[in-house]
N, C-alpha and C. Protein backbone atom coordinates (compact mmCIF):
# COMPACT_ATOMS: atom_id res chain seq x y z
N MET A 1 -17.43 42.39 -0.98
CA MET A 1 -16.12 42.91 -1.31
C MET A 1 -15.04 42.30 -0.39
N LEU A 2 -15.37 42.17 0.87
CA LEU A 2 -14.42 41.61 1.82
C LEU A 2 -14.12 40.15 1.51
N PHE A 3 -15.17 39.37 1.17
CA PHE A 3 -14.96 37.96 0.83
C PHE A 3 -14.09 37.81 -0.41
N LYS A 4 -14.31 38.65 -1.39
CA LYS A 4 -13.52 38.59 -2.62
C LYS A 4 -12.07 38.92 -2.32
N PHE A 5 -11.84 39.89 -1.48
CA PHE A 5 -10.48 40.27 -1.10
C PHE A 5 -9.78 39.13 -0.36
N ILE A 6 -10.49 38.49 0.56
CA ILE A 6 -9.90 37.37 1.31
C ILE A 6 -9.60 36.20 0.38
N SER A 7 -10.52 35.89 -0.54
CA SER A 7 -10.27 34.77 -1.44
C SER A 7 -9.10 35.06 -2.37
N MET A 8 -8.93 36.31 -2.79
CA MET A 8 -7.78 36.65 -3.63
C MET A 8 -6.48 36.51 -2.85
N ILE A 9 -6.48 36.88 -1.60
CA ILE A 9 -5.27 36.76 -0.78
C ILE A 9 -4.92 35.29 -0.57
N VAL A 10 -5.90 34.48 -0.21
CA VAL A 10 -5.64 33.09 0.11
C VAL A 10 -5.21 32.31 -1.13
N THR A 11 -5.92 32.47 -2.24
CA THR A 11 -5.58 31.69 -3.44
C THR A 11 -4.40 32.29 -4.19
N GLY A 12 -4.18 33.54 -4.11
CA GLY A 12 -3.09 34.16 -4.86
C GLY A 12 -1.74 33.99 -4.21
N SER A 13 -1.69 33.95 -2.90
CA SER A 13 -0.40 33.85 -2.23
C SER A 13 -0.13 32.45 -1.70
N GLY A 14 -0.70 31.44 -2.36
CA GLY A 14 -0.46 30.05 -1.94
C GLY A 14 0.98 29.66 -2.20
N ARG A 15 1.42 28.63 -1.56
CA ARG A 15 2.80 28.19 -1.72
C ARG A 15 3.05 27.57 -3.08
N GLY A 16 2.00 27.12 -3.73
CA GLY A 16 2.17 26.54 -5.05
C GLY A 16 2.66 25.11 -5.03
N GLY A 17 2.70 24.49 -3.85
CA GLY A 17 3.14 23.11 -3.75
C GLY A 17 2.08 22.16 -4.27
N SER A 18 2.42 20.90 -4.28
CA SER A 18 1.48 19.91 -4.80
C SER A 18 0.36 19.63 -3.81
N ASN A 19 0.49 20.09 -2.59
CA ASN A 19 -0.52 19.81 -1.57
C ASN A 19 -1.10 21.11 -1.04
N SER A 20 -1.32 22.07 -1.93
CA SER A 20 -1.82 23.36 -1.49
C SER A 20 -3.32 23.28 -1.24
N VAL A 21 -3.80 24.15 -0.39
CA VAL A 21 -5.21 24.20 -0.04
C VAL A 21 -5.76 25.52 -0.53
N ARG A 22 -6.85 25.47 -1.27
CA ARG A 22 -7.48 26.69 -1.76
C ARG A 22 -8.79 26.88 -1.04
N TYR A 23 -9.07 28.09 -0.66
CA TYR A 23 -10.33 28.43 -0.04
C TYR A 23 -11.17 29.15 -1.09
N CYS A 24 -12.25 28.51 -1.49
CA CYS A 24 -13.15 29.11 -2.48
C CYS A 24 -14.26 29.82 -1.73
N VAL A 25 -14.22 31.14 -1.71
CA VAL A 25 -15.22 31.90 -0.99
C VAL A 25 -15.96 32.77 -1.99
N SER A 26 -17.24 32.63 -2.06
CA SER A 26 -18.06 33.40 -2.98
C SER A 26 -18.60 34.62 -2.25
N SER A 27 -18.76 35.72 -2.98
CA SER A 27 -19.30 36.93 -2.35
C SER A 27 -20.80 36.82 -2.15
N VAL A 28 -21.44 35.88 -2.84
CA VAL A 28 -22.89 35.71 -2.71
C VAL A 28 -23.20 34.71 -1.60
N ALA A 29 -22.47 33.63 -1.56
CA ALA A 29 -22.75 32.57 -0.59
C ALA A 29 -22.16 32.91 0.77
N THR A 30 -22.69 32.27 1.80
CA THR A 30 -22.22 32.53 3.15
C THR A 30 -21.38 31.39 3.69
N TYR A 31 -20.97 30.45 2.85
CA TYR A 31 -20.17 29.32 3.29
C TYR A 31 -18.85 29.31 2.54
N SER A 32 -17.89 28.63 3.12
CA SER A 32 -16.60 28.47 2.45
C SER A 32 -16.40 27.00 2.13
N HIS A 33 -15.61 26.73 1.13
CA HIS A 33 -15.40 25.38 0.63
C HIS A 33 -13.90 25.17 0.48
N VAL A 34 -13.36 24.13 1.09
CA VAL A 34 -11.93 23.85 1.03
C VAL A 34 -11.70 22.81 -0.05
N VAL A 35 -10.80 23.12 -0.97
CA VAL A 35 -10.47 22.20 -2.06
C VAL A 35 -9.01 21.81 -1.92
N ARG A 36 -8.76 20.52 -1.74
CA ARG A 36 -7.38 20.04 -1.65
C ARG A 36 -6.94 19.58 -3.02
N THR A 37 -5.80 20.08 -3.45
CA THR A 37 -5.27 19.69 -4.75
C THR A 37 -3.93 19.02 -4.56
N GLY A 38 -3.57 18.17 -5.48
CA GLY A 38 -2.26 17.54 -5.43
C GLY A 38 -2.29 16.22 -4.69
N VAL A 39 -1.10 15.72 -4.45
CA VAL A 39 -0.92 14.42 -3.82
C VAL A 39 -0.42 14.63 -2.41
N PRO A 40 -1.04 14.01 -1.41
CA PRO A 40 -0.52 14.17 -0.04
C PRO A 40 0.87 13.56 0.09
N LYS A 41 1.74 14.29 0.76
CA LYS A 41 3.13 13.84 0.89
C LYS A 41 3.30 12.78 1.96
N ALA A 42 2.33 12.61 2.83
CA ALA A 42 2.46 11.63 3.92
C ALA A 42 2.49 10.21 3.41
N HIS A 43 1.79 9.92 2.31
CA HIS A 43 1.74 8.56 1.79
C HIS A 43 2.72 8.34 0.64
N GLY A 44 3.51 9.31 0.29
CA GLY A 44 4.49 9.14 -0.77
C GLY A 44 3.89 9.11 -2.15
N GLY A 45 2.79 9.77 -2.36
CA GLY A 45 2.19 9.80 -3.69
C GLY A 45 1.40 8.55 -3.99
N ARG A 46 1.55 8.06 -5.20
CA ARG A 46 0.81 6.86 -5.63
C ARG A 46 1.33 5.63 -4.94
N ARG A 47 0.41 4.80 -4.48
CA ARG A 47 0.83 3.53 -3.88
C ARG A 47 0.61 2.44 -4.90
N ASN A 48 1.62 1.63 -5.11
CA ASN A 48 1.50 0.53 -6.03
C ASN A 48 1.45 -0.75 -5.22
N ARG A 49 0.25 -1.29 -5.04
CA ARG A 49 0.07 -2.45 -4.17
C ARG A 49 0.77 -3.68 -4.71
N GLY A 50 0.87 -3.80 -6.03
CA GLY A 50 1.53 -4.97 -6.61
C GLY A 50 2.98 -5.07 -6.20
N LEU A 51 3.67 -3.96 -6.21
CA LEU A 51 5.09 -3.97 -5.82
C LEU A 51 5.26 -4.24 -4.34
N ILE A 52 4.27 -3.91 -3.55
CA ILE A 52 4.34 -4.17 -2.12
C ILE A 52 4.05 -5.64 -1.83
N GLN A 53 3.14 -6.25 -2.59
CA GLN A 53 2.74 -7.62 -2.31
C GLN A 53 3.72 -8.65 -2.85
N ILE A 54 4.51 -8.31 -3.86
CA ILE A 54 5.42 -9.29 -4.47
C ILE A 54 6.42 -9.88 -3.48
N PRO A 55 7.12 -9.09 -2.65
CA PRO A 55 8.07 -9.71 -1.72
C PRO A 55 7.41 -10.67 -0.73
N PHE A 56 6.22 -10.32 -0.24
CA PHE A 56 5.53 -11.21 0.70
C PHE A 56 5.09 -12.49 0.02
N LEU A 57 4.66 -12.38 -1.23
CA LEU A 57 4.27 -13.57 -1.98
C LEU A 57 5.47 -14.48 -2.20
N LEU A 58 6.63 -13.89 -2.50
CA LEU A 58 7.84 -14.69 -2.67
C LEU A 58 8.25 -15.37 -1.37
N ILE A 59 8.10 -14.69 -0.25
CA ILE A 59 8.44 -15.29 1.04
C ILE A 59 7.53 -16.48 1.33
N VAL A 60 6.23 -16.32 1.08
CA VAL A 60 5.28 -17.42 1.34
C VAL A 60 5.57 -18.60 0.42
N LEU A 61 5.76 -18.34 -0.87
CA LEU A 61 6.03 -19.43 -1.81
C LEU A 61 7.36 -20.12 -1.50
N GLY A 62 8.37 -19.35 -1.11
CA GLY A 62 9.65 -19.95 -0.74
C GLY A 62 9.54 -20.82 0.49
N THR A 63 8.77 -20.36 1.47
CA THR A 63 8.58 -21.15 2.69
C THR A 63 7.86 -22.46 2.39
N VAL A 64 6.82 -22.39 1.57
CA VAL A 64 6.08 -23.60 1.21
C VAL A 64 6.97 -24.55 0.41
N GLY A 65 7.77 -24.00 -0.50
CA GLY A 65 8.66 -24.84 -1.30
C GLY A 65 9.72 -25.53 -0.47
N LEU A 66 10.35 -24.79 0.44
CA LEU A 66 11.37 -25.40 1.30
C LEU A 66 10.75 -26.43 2.25
N GLY A 67 9.56 -26.15 2.74
CA GLY A 67 8.88 -27.13 3.60
C GLY A 67 8.56 -28.40 2.85
N GLY A 68 8.15 -28.26 1.60
CA GLY A 68 7.88 -29.44 0.78
C GLY A 68 9.13 -30.25 0.50
N LEU A 69 10.24 -29.57 0.24
CA LEU A 69 11.51 -30.28 0.02
C LEU A 69 11.95 -31.03 1.28
N ASN A 70 11.82 -30.39 2.42
CA ASN A 70 12.19 -31.06 3.68
C ASN A 70 11.29 -32.26 3.96
N ALA A 71 10.01 -32.14 3.69
CA ALA A 71 9.09 -33.26 3.91
C ALA A 71 9.41 -34.42 2.97
N THR A 72 9.72 -34.11 1.72
CA THR A 72 10.07 -35.16 0.76
C THR A 72 11.35 -35.86 1.16
N ARG A 73 12.33 -35.10 1.60
CA ARG A 73 13.60 -35.69 2.02
C ARG A 73 13.42 -36.57 3.26
N ALA A 74 12.62 -36.11 4.22
CA ALA A 74 12.38 -36.91 5.42
C ALA A 74 11.61 -38.19 5.07
N TYR A 75 10.68 -38.10 4.14
CA TYR A 75 9.92 -39.28 3.72
C TYR A 75 10.83 -40.31 3.06
N ARG A 76 11.71 -39.84 2.17
CA ARG A 76 12.64 -40.77 1.51
C ARG A 76 13.61 -41.41 2.50
N LYS A 77 14.07 -40.60 3.46
CA LYS A 77 15.01 -41.11 4.46
C LYS A 77 14.34 -42.20 5.31
N GLN A 78 13.10 -41.98 5.70
CA GLN A 78 12.37 -42.95 6.51
C GLN A 78 12.04 -44.20 5.67
N LYS A 79 11.77 -44.00 4.41
CA LYS A 79 11.47 -45.13 3.53
C LYS A 79 12.68 -46.04 3.36
N GLU A 80 13.87 -45.44 3.26
CA GLU A 80 15.10 -46.23 3.13
C GLU A 80 15.45 -46.93 4.44
N ALA A 81 15.19 -46.28 5.56
CA ALA A 81 15.58 -46.84 6.85
C ALA A 81 14.70 -48.03 7.23
N CYS A 82 13.44 -47.91 7.09
CA CYS A 82 12.51 -48.95 7.55
C CYS A 82 11.31 -49.01 6.61
N PRO A 83 11.40 -49.65 5.47
CA PRO A 83 10.30 -49.62 4.51
C PRO A 83 9.05 -50.36 4.96
N SER A 84 9.18 -51.39 5.78
CA SER A 84 7.99 -52.17 6.16
C SER A 84 7.21 -51.55 7.31
N HIS A 85 7.85 -50.68 8.11
CA HIS A 85 7.18 -50.11 9.28
C HIS A 85 6.63 -48.71 9.03
N ASN A 86 6.66 -48.26 7.82
CA ASN A 86 6.20 -46.91 7.50
C ASN A 86 4.71 -46.94 7.16
N PRO A 87 3.85 -46.35 7.97
CA PRO A 87 2.41 -46.39 7.69
C PRO A 87 2.01 -45.49 6.52
N PHE A 88 2.89 -44.59 6.09
CA PHE A 88 2.54 -43.66 5.02
C PHE A 88 2.84 -44.22 3.63
N LEU A 89 3.53 -45.34 3.57
CA LEU A 89 3.86 -45.93 2.27
C LEU A 89 2.64 -46.66 1.71
N PRO A 90 2.50 -46.68 0.40
CA PRO A 90 1.36 -47.38 -0.21
C PRO A 90 1.51 -48.88 -0.14
């Protein structure tokens, strides 16, 4: 009777938030079981990894692209300045 009364108090007077904790206590069993329902507020709900990875992917691709443009420009500049002394020319 006491366990049933405690379980009614705990589950009935919960805050009703999305992160409420229910204590399931049976009058027959001698153990209690904690059930967490809802979404934890610490992580902001659902995490969408794709939206997080897109900006970093754009930064990496932009860096590689700009580096390639700078290398091409430096190669052309060196080719025009001294075409016979360039070891990288075919």
